[in-house]
Amino acid sequence: MNDPCSNNPCLNGGTCTPKGTSFSCKCPSPYLGKACERDPCTDQLCKNGGTCKVDNNSFRCECTFPYAGDKCDKECRCDKGICELKDGNTVCVCPPEFGLHLSSLCQ
């Protein structure tokens, strides 16, 4: 019986484990795929200085302030308020005269 890991099918430093006549690869970050062939961060999906991170077989962007959103493509613009980051999203902290103290825009 041939060892399915004998020809090193796992790329990019992945570790091969035989599974009967097949195999599975344990991939080092950030690589994904059956043979660790994909790097989801190579397409530079994160905008505005965001950093791509791989979590559970998908990517996420860590954004730099004042940007937020899945791809760091949403800029916080608070006309008369102060922009803050809250739970990964940007919000405007508005002065008391605007009524709402947390809003998407202080006008």
N, C-alpha and C. Protein backbone atom coordinates (compact mmCIF):
# COMPACT_ATOMS: atom_id res chain seq x y z
N MET A 1 0.85 -1.19 0.00
CA MET A 1 0.00 0.00 0.00
C MET A 1 0.89 1.24 0.00
N ASN A 2 0.60 2.15 -0.89
CA ASN A 2 1.39 3.37 -1.00
C ASN A 2 0.98 4.39 0.06
N ASP A 3 1.97 5.09 0.57
CA ASP A 3 1.73 6.16 1.54
C ASP A 3 1.35 7.41 0.76
N PRO A 4 0.12 7.94 0.95
CA PRO A 4 -0.31 9.12 0.19
C PRO A 4 0.50 10.37 0.53
N CYS A 5 1.29 10.34 1.60
CA CYS A 5 2.12 11.49 1.96
C CYS A 5 3.55 11.37 1.43
N SER A 6 3.87 10.26 0.77
CA SER A 6 5.26 10.02 0.35
C SER A 6 5.77 11.04 -0.66
N ASN A 7 4.88 11.62 -1.47
CA ASN A 7 5.34 12.62 -2.45
C ASN A 7 5.16 14.06 -1.94
N ASN A 8 4.99 14.22 -0.63
CA ASN A 8 4.87 15.55 -0.01
C ASN A 8 3.82 16.43 -0.69
N PRO A 9 2.55 16.04 -0.63
CA PRO A 9 1.51 16.81 -1.32
C PRO A 9 1.18 18.15 -0.66
N CYS A 10 1.57 18.34 0.59
CA CYS A 10 1.25 19.59 1.29
C CYS A 10 2.29 20.66 0.94
N LEU A 11 1.82 21.77 0.45
CA LEU A 11 2.69 22.87 0.04
C LEU A 11 2.92 23.85 1.19
N ASN A 12 3.83 24.75 1.00
CA ASN A 12 4.07 25.88 1.90
C ASN A 12 4.30 25.47 3.36
N GLY A 13 4.99 24.35 3.55
CA GLY A 13 5.32 23.92 4.91
C GLY A 13 4.22 23.19 5.64
N GLY A 14 3.16 22.77 4.91
CA GLY A 14 2.08 22.03 5.53
C GLY A 14 2.53 20.65 5.96
N THR A 15 1.85 20.09 6.97
CA THR A 15 2.16 18.78 7.50
C THR A 15 1.13 17.77 7.00
N CYS A 16 1.60 16.71 6.37
CA CYS A 16 0.72 15.70 5.78
C CYS A 16 0.41 14.60 6.79
N THR A 17 -0.88 14.20 6.82
CA THR A 17 -1.33 13.07 7.62
C THR A 17 -2.08 12.11 6.71
N PRO A 18 -1.65 10.84 6.62
CA PRO A 18 -2.36 9.88 5.78
C PRO A 18 -3.77 9.61 6.32
N LYS A 19 -4.72 9.49 5.41
CA LYS A 19 -6.12 9.16 5.74
C LYS A 19 -6.55 8.05 4.79
N GLY A 20 -6.17 6.84 5.07
CA GLY A 20 -6.45 5.71 4.18
C GLY A 20 -5.64 5.87 2.90
N THR A 21 -6.33 5.95 1.76
CA THR A 21 -5.64 6.15 0.48
C THR A 21 -5.50 7.63 0.15
N SER A 22 -6.01 8.49 1.01
CA SER A 22 -5.93 9.94 0.79
C SER A 22 -5.05 10.55 1.89
N PHE A 23 -5.13 11.85 2.02
CA PHE A 23 -4.32 12.57 3.01
C PHE A 23 -5.05 13.83 3.43
N SER A 24 -4.59 14.41 4.52
CA SER A 24 -5.04 15.75 4.91
C SER A 24 -3.80 16.54 5.28
N CYS A 25 -3.89 17.84 5.07
CA CYS A 25 -2.76 18.73 5.37
C CYS A 25 -3.13 19.66 6.51
N LYS A 26 -2.23 19.83 7.43
CA LYS A 26 -2.36 20.87 8.45
C LYS A 26 -1.50 22.02 7.95
N CYS A 27 -2.16 23.13 7.63
CA CYS A 27 -1.50 24.25 6.97
C CYS A 27 -1.04 25.30 7.97
N PRO A 28 0.17 25.83 7.78
CA PRO A 28 0.59 26.96 8.61
C PRO A 28 -0.12 28.23 8.13
N SER A 29 -0.33 29.15 9.03
CA SER A 29 -0.94 30.43 8.67
C SER A 29 0.00 31.16 7.72
N PRO A 30 -0.50 31.80 6.71
CA PRO A 30 -1.90 32.06 6.36
C PRO A 30 -2.47 31.11 5.32
N TYR A 31 -1.84 29.97 5.07
CA TYR A 31 -2.23 29.12 3.94
C TYR A 31 -3.47 28.29 4.22
N LEU A 32 -4.25 28.06 3.16
CA LEU A 32 -5.50 27.32 3.21
C LEU A 32 -5.56 26.37 2.03
N GLY A 33 -6.58 25.52 2.00
CA GLY A 33 -6.80 24.62 0.87
C GLY A 33 -6.38 23.20 1.21
N LYS A 34 -6.83 22.25 0.37
CA LYS A 34 -6.53 20.83 0.61
C LYS A 34 -5.04 20.59 0.72
N ALA A 35 -4.23 21.29 -0.09
CA ALA A 35 -2.78 21.10 -0.08
C ALA A 35 -2.04 22.36 0.36
N CYS A 36 -2.71 23.22 1.13
CA CYS A 36 -2.10 24.48 1.62
C CYS A 36 -1.63 25.35 0.45
N GLU A 37 -2.40 25.34 -0.63
CA GLU A 37 -2.00 26.03 -1.85
C GLU A 37 -2.47 27.48 -1.93
N ARG A 38 -3.37 27.88 -1.06
CA ARG A 38 -3.95 29.23 -1.17
C ARG A 38 -3.53 30.12 -0.01
N ASP A 39 -3.23 31.37 -0.35
CA ASP A 39 -2.98 32.41 0.65
C ASP A 39 -4.02 33.50 0.39
N PRO A 40 -5.07 33.57 1.21
CA PRO A 40 -6.14 34.53 0.95
C PRO A 40 -5.69 35.99 1.04
N CYS A 41 -4.51 36.23 1.58
CA CYS A 41 -4.05 37.61 1.73
C CYS A 41 -3.25 38.11 0.53
N THR A 42 -2.98 37.25 -0.46
CA THR A 42 -2.15 37.68 -1.59
C THR A 42 -2.85 38.70 -2.47
N ASP A 43 -4.17 38.74 -2.44
CA ASP A 43 -4.91 39.69 -3.29
C ASP A 43 -4.98 41.08 -2.69
N GLN A 44 -4.36 41.29 -1.53
CA GLN A 44 -4.37 42.61 -0.88
C GLN A 44 -5.79 43.17 -0.79
N LEU A 45 -6.68 42.42 -0.20
CA LEU A 45 -8.08 42.83 -0.10
C LEU A 45 -8.30 43.92 0.94
N CYS A 46 -7.38 44.08 1.87
CA CYS A 46 -7.53 45.10 2.91
C CYS A 46 -7.03 46.44 2.36
N LYS A 47 -7.86 47.45 2.46
CA LYS A 47 -7.55 48.78 1.94
C LYS A 47 -7.02 49.69 3.05
N ASN A 48 -6.51 50.83 2.65
CA ASN A 48 -6.14 51.92 3.56
C ASN A 48 -5.22 51.50 4.70
N GLY A 49 -4.23 50.67 4.39
CA GLY A 49 -3.24 50.28 5.39
C GLY A 49 -3.68 49.17 6.31
N GLY A 50 -4.84 48.54 6.03
CA GLY A 50 -5.30 47.43 6.85
C GLY A 50 -4.41 46.20 6.65
N THR A 51 -4.39 45.33 7.66
CA THR A 51 -3.56 44.13 7.63
C THR A 51 -4.45 42.90 7.54
N CYS A 52 -4.12 42.02 6.60
CA CYS A 52 -4.88 40.79 6.41
C CYS A 52 -4.45 39.74 7.43
N LYS A 53 -5.43 39.11 8.07
CA LYS A 53 -5.20 38.02 9.02
C LYS A 53 -6.09 36.85 8.62
N VAL A 54 -5.61 35.64 8.82
CA VAL A 54 -6.39 34.44 8.50
C VAL A 54 -6.94 33.85 9.79
N ASP A 55 -8.26 33.62 9.80
CA ASP A 55 -8.95 33.00 10.93
C ASP A 55 -9.88 31.93 10.40
N ASN A 56 -9.76 30.71 10.89
CA ASN A 56 -10.71 29.64 10.57
C ASN A 56 -11.05 29.54 9.08
N ASN A 57 -10.04 29.36 8.26
CA ASN A 57 -10.20 29.16 6.82
C ASN A 57 -10.78 30.35 6.06
N SER A 58 -10.70 31.54 6.61
CA SER A 58 -11.08 32.74 5.88
C SER A 58 -10.20 33.89 6.36
N PHE A 59 -10.30 35.02 5.67
CA PHE A 59 -9.48 36.15 6.06
C PHE A 59 -10.32 37.22 6.74
N ARG A 60 -9.66 38.07 7.48
CA ARG A 60 -10.29 39.27 8.04
C ARG A 60 -9.26 40.38 7.98
N CYS A 61 -9.72 41.60 7.97
CA CYS A 61 -8.82 42.74 7.92
C CYS A 61 -8.78 43.42 9.29
N GLU A 62 -7.57 43.72 9.74
CA GLU A 62 -7.39 44.58 10.91
C GLU A 62 -7.14 45.97 10.36
N CYS A 63 -8.05 46.88 10.64
CA CYS A 63 -8.02 48.22 10.04
C CYS A 63 -7.26 49.21 10.90
N THR A 64 -6.72 50.22 10.23
CA THR A 64 -6.10 51.34 10.93
C THR A 64 -7.12 52.45 11.06
N PHE A 65 -7.09 53.14 12.18
CA PHE A 65 -8.02 54.24 12.43
C PHE A 65 -7.76 55.36 11.44
N PRO A 66 -8.74 55.99 10.87
CA PRO A 66 -10.18 55.98 11.12
C PRO A 66 -10.97 55.07 10.18
N TYR A 67 -10.38 53.99 9.68
CA TYR A 67 -11.06 53.11 8.74
C TYR A 67 -11.65 51.89 9.44
N ALA A 68 -12.73 51.35 8.87
CA ALA A 68 -13.40 50.17 9.40
C ALA A 68 -14.04 49.43 8.24
N GLY A 69 -14.78 48.38 8.56
CA GLY A 69 -15.46 47.59 7.54
C GLY A 69 -14.69 46.32 7.24
N ASP A 70 -15.34 45.41 6.51
CA ASP A 70 -14.73 44.12 6.18
C ASP A 70 -13.40 44.26 5.47
N LYS A 71 -13.27 45.30 4.64
CA LYS A 71 -12.04 45.51 3.87
C LYS A 71 -11.38 46.84 4.17
N CYS A 72 -11.72 47.44 5.31
CA CYS A 72 -11.15 48.73 5.73
C CYS A 72 -11.43 49.82 4.70
N ASP A 73 -12.60 49.74 4.09
CA ASP A 73 -12.94 50.69 3.04
C ASP A 73 -13.98 51.73 3.47
N LYS A 74 -14.32 51.73 4.77
CA LYS A 74 -15.27 52.72 5.28
C LYS A 74 -14.53 53.68 6.20
N GLU A 75 -14.54 54.95 5.84
CA GLU A 75 -13.85 55.96 6.64
C GLU A 75 -14.83 56.66 7.55
N CYS A 76 -14.43 56.87 8.79
CA CYS A 76 -15.27 57.58 9.74
C CYS A 76 -15.20 59.07 9.43
N ARG A 77 -16.35 59.65 9.19
CA ARG A 77 -16.43 61.09 8.93
C ARG A 77 -17.49 61.67 9.86
N CYS A 78 -17.05 62.34 10.87
CA CYS A 78 -17.96 62.93 11.86
C CYS A 78 -17.88 64.44 11.71
N ASP A 79 -18.88 65.02 11.09
CA ASP A 79 -18.87 66.45 10.79
C ASP A 79 -18.48 67.29 12.00
N LYS A 80 -19.23 67.18 13.09
CA LYS A 80 -18.95 68.00 14.27
C LYS A 80 -18.69 67.15 15.51
N GLY A 81 -18.45 65.88 15.32
CA GLY A 81 -18.22 64.98 16.45
C GLY A 81 -16.80 64.44 16.43
N ILE A 82 -16.56 63.50 17.31
CA ILE A 82 -15.26 62.85 17.42
C ILE A 82 -15.43 61.40 16.98
N CYS A 83 -14.57 60.99 16.08
CA CYS A 83 -14.61 59.63 15.54
C CYS A 83 -13.94 58.66 16.51
N GLU A 84 -14.63 57.52 16.79
CA GLU A 84 -14.04 56.49 17.64
C GLU A 84 -14.32 55.12 17.05
N LEU A 85 -13.50 54.17 17.44
CA LEU A 85 -13.68 52.79 17.01
C LEU A 85 -14.40 52.03 18.11
N LYS A 86 -15.52 51.37 17.77
CA LYS A 86 -16.31 50.61 18.75
C LYS A 86 -16.69 49.28 18.12
N ASP A 87 -16.21 48.18 18.72
CA ASP A 87 -16.51 46.83 18.25
C ASP A 87 -16.19 46.65 16.77
N GLY A 88 -15.07 47.21 16.33
CA GLY A 88 -14.64 47.05 14.94
C GLY A 88 -15.29 47.98 13.95
N ASN A 89 -16.18 48.84 14.43
CA ASN A 89 -16.85 49.81 13.56
C ASN A 89 -16.55 51.22 14.05
N THR A 90 -16.62 52.17 13.14
CA THR A 90 -16.40 53.56 13.53
C THR A 90 -17.74 54.19 13.87
N VAL A 91 -17.75 54.98 14.93
CA VAL A 91 -18.94 55.72 15.34
C VAL A 91 -18.52 57.15 15.66
N CYS A 92 -19.49 58.04 15.57
CA CYS A 92 -19.25 59.44 15.94
C CYS A 92 -19.75 59.66 17.36
N VAL A 93 -18.90 60.24 18.18
CA VAL A 93 -19.32 60.68 19.51
C VAL A 93 -19.68 62.15 19.34
N CYS A 94 -20.97 62.42 19.42
CA CYS A 94 -21.48 63.75 19.12
C CYS A 94 -21.55 64.62 20.38
N PRO A 95 -21.38 65.92 20.22
CA PRO A 95 -21.56 66.83 21.35
C PRO A 95 -23.01 66.77 21.85
N PRO A 96 -23.24 67.07 23.13
CA PRO A 96 -24.59 66.96 23.72
C PRO A 96 -25.67 67.72 22.95
N GLU A 97 -25.33 68.84 22.33
CA GLU A 97 -26.36 69.62 21.62
C GLU A 97 -26.94 68.90 20.40
N PHE A 98 -26.34 67.78 20.00
CA PHE A 98 -26.86 67.03 18.85
C PHE A 98 -27.82 65.93 19.28
N GLY A 99 -28.08 65.79 20.57
CA GLY A 99 -29.04 64.80 21.05
C GLY A 99 -28.44 63.41 21.18
N LEU A 100 -28.25 62.72 20.07
CA LEU A 100 -27.65 61.38 20.10
C LEU A 100 -26.16 61.51 20.37
N HIS A 101 -25.67 60.75 21.32
CA HIS A 101 -24.24 60.85 21.63
C HIS A 101 -23.40 59.86 20.84
N LEU A 102 -24.00 58.77 20.36
CA LEU A 102 -23.31 57.85 19.45
C LEU A 102 -24.15 57.78 18.19
N SER A 103 -23.54 58.09 17.07
CA SER A 103 -24.27 58.17 15.82
C SER A 103 -23.33 57.84 14.68
N SER A 104 -23.88 57.74 13.48
CA SER A 104 -23.02 57.54 12.31
C SER A 104 -22.53 58.88 11.77
N LEU A 105 -23.18 59.97 12.13
CA LEU A 105 -22.78 61.30 11.67
C LEU A 105 -23.38 62.36 12.59
N CYS A 106 -22.59 63.35 12.98
CA CYS A 106 -23.08 64.44 13.83
C CYS A 106 -23.31 65.66 12.94
N GLN A 107 -24.57 66.01 12.72
CA GLN A 107 -24.87 67.18 11.88
C GLN A 107 -25.86 68.08 12.59
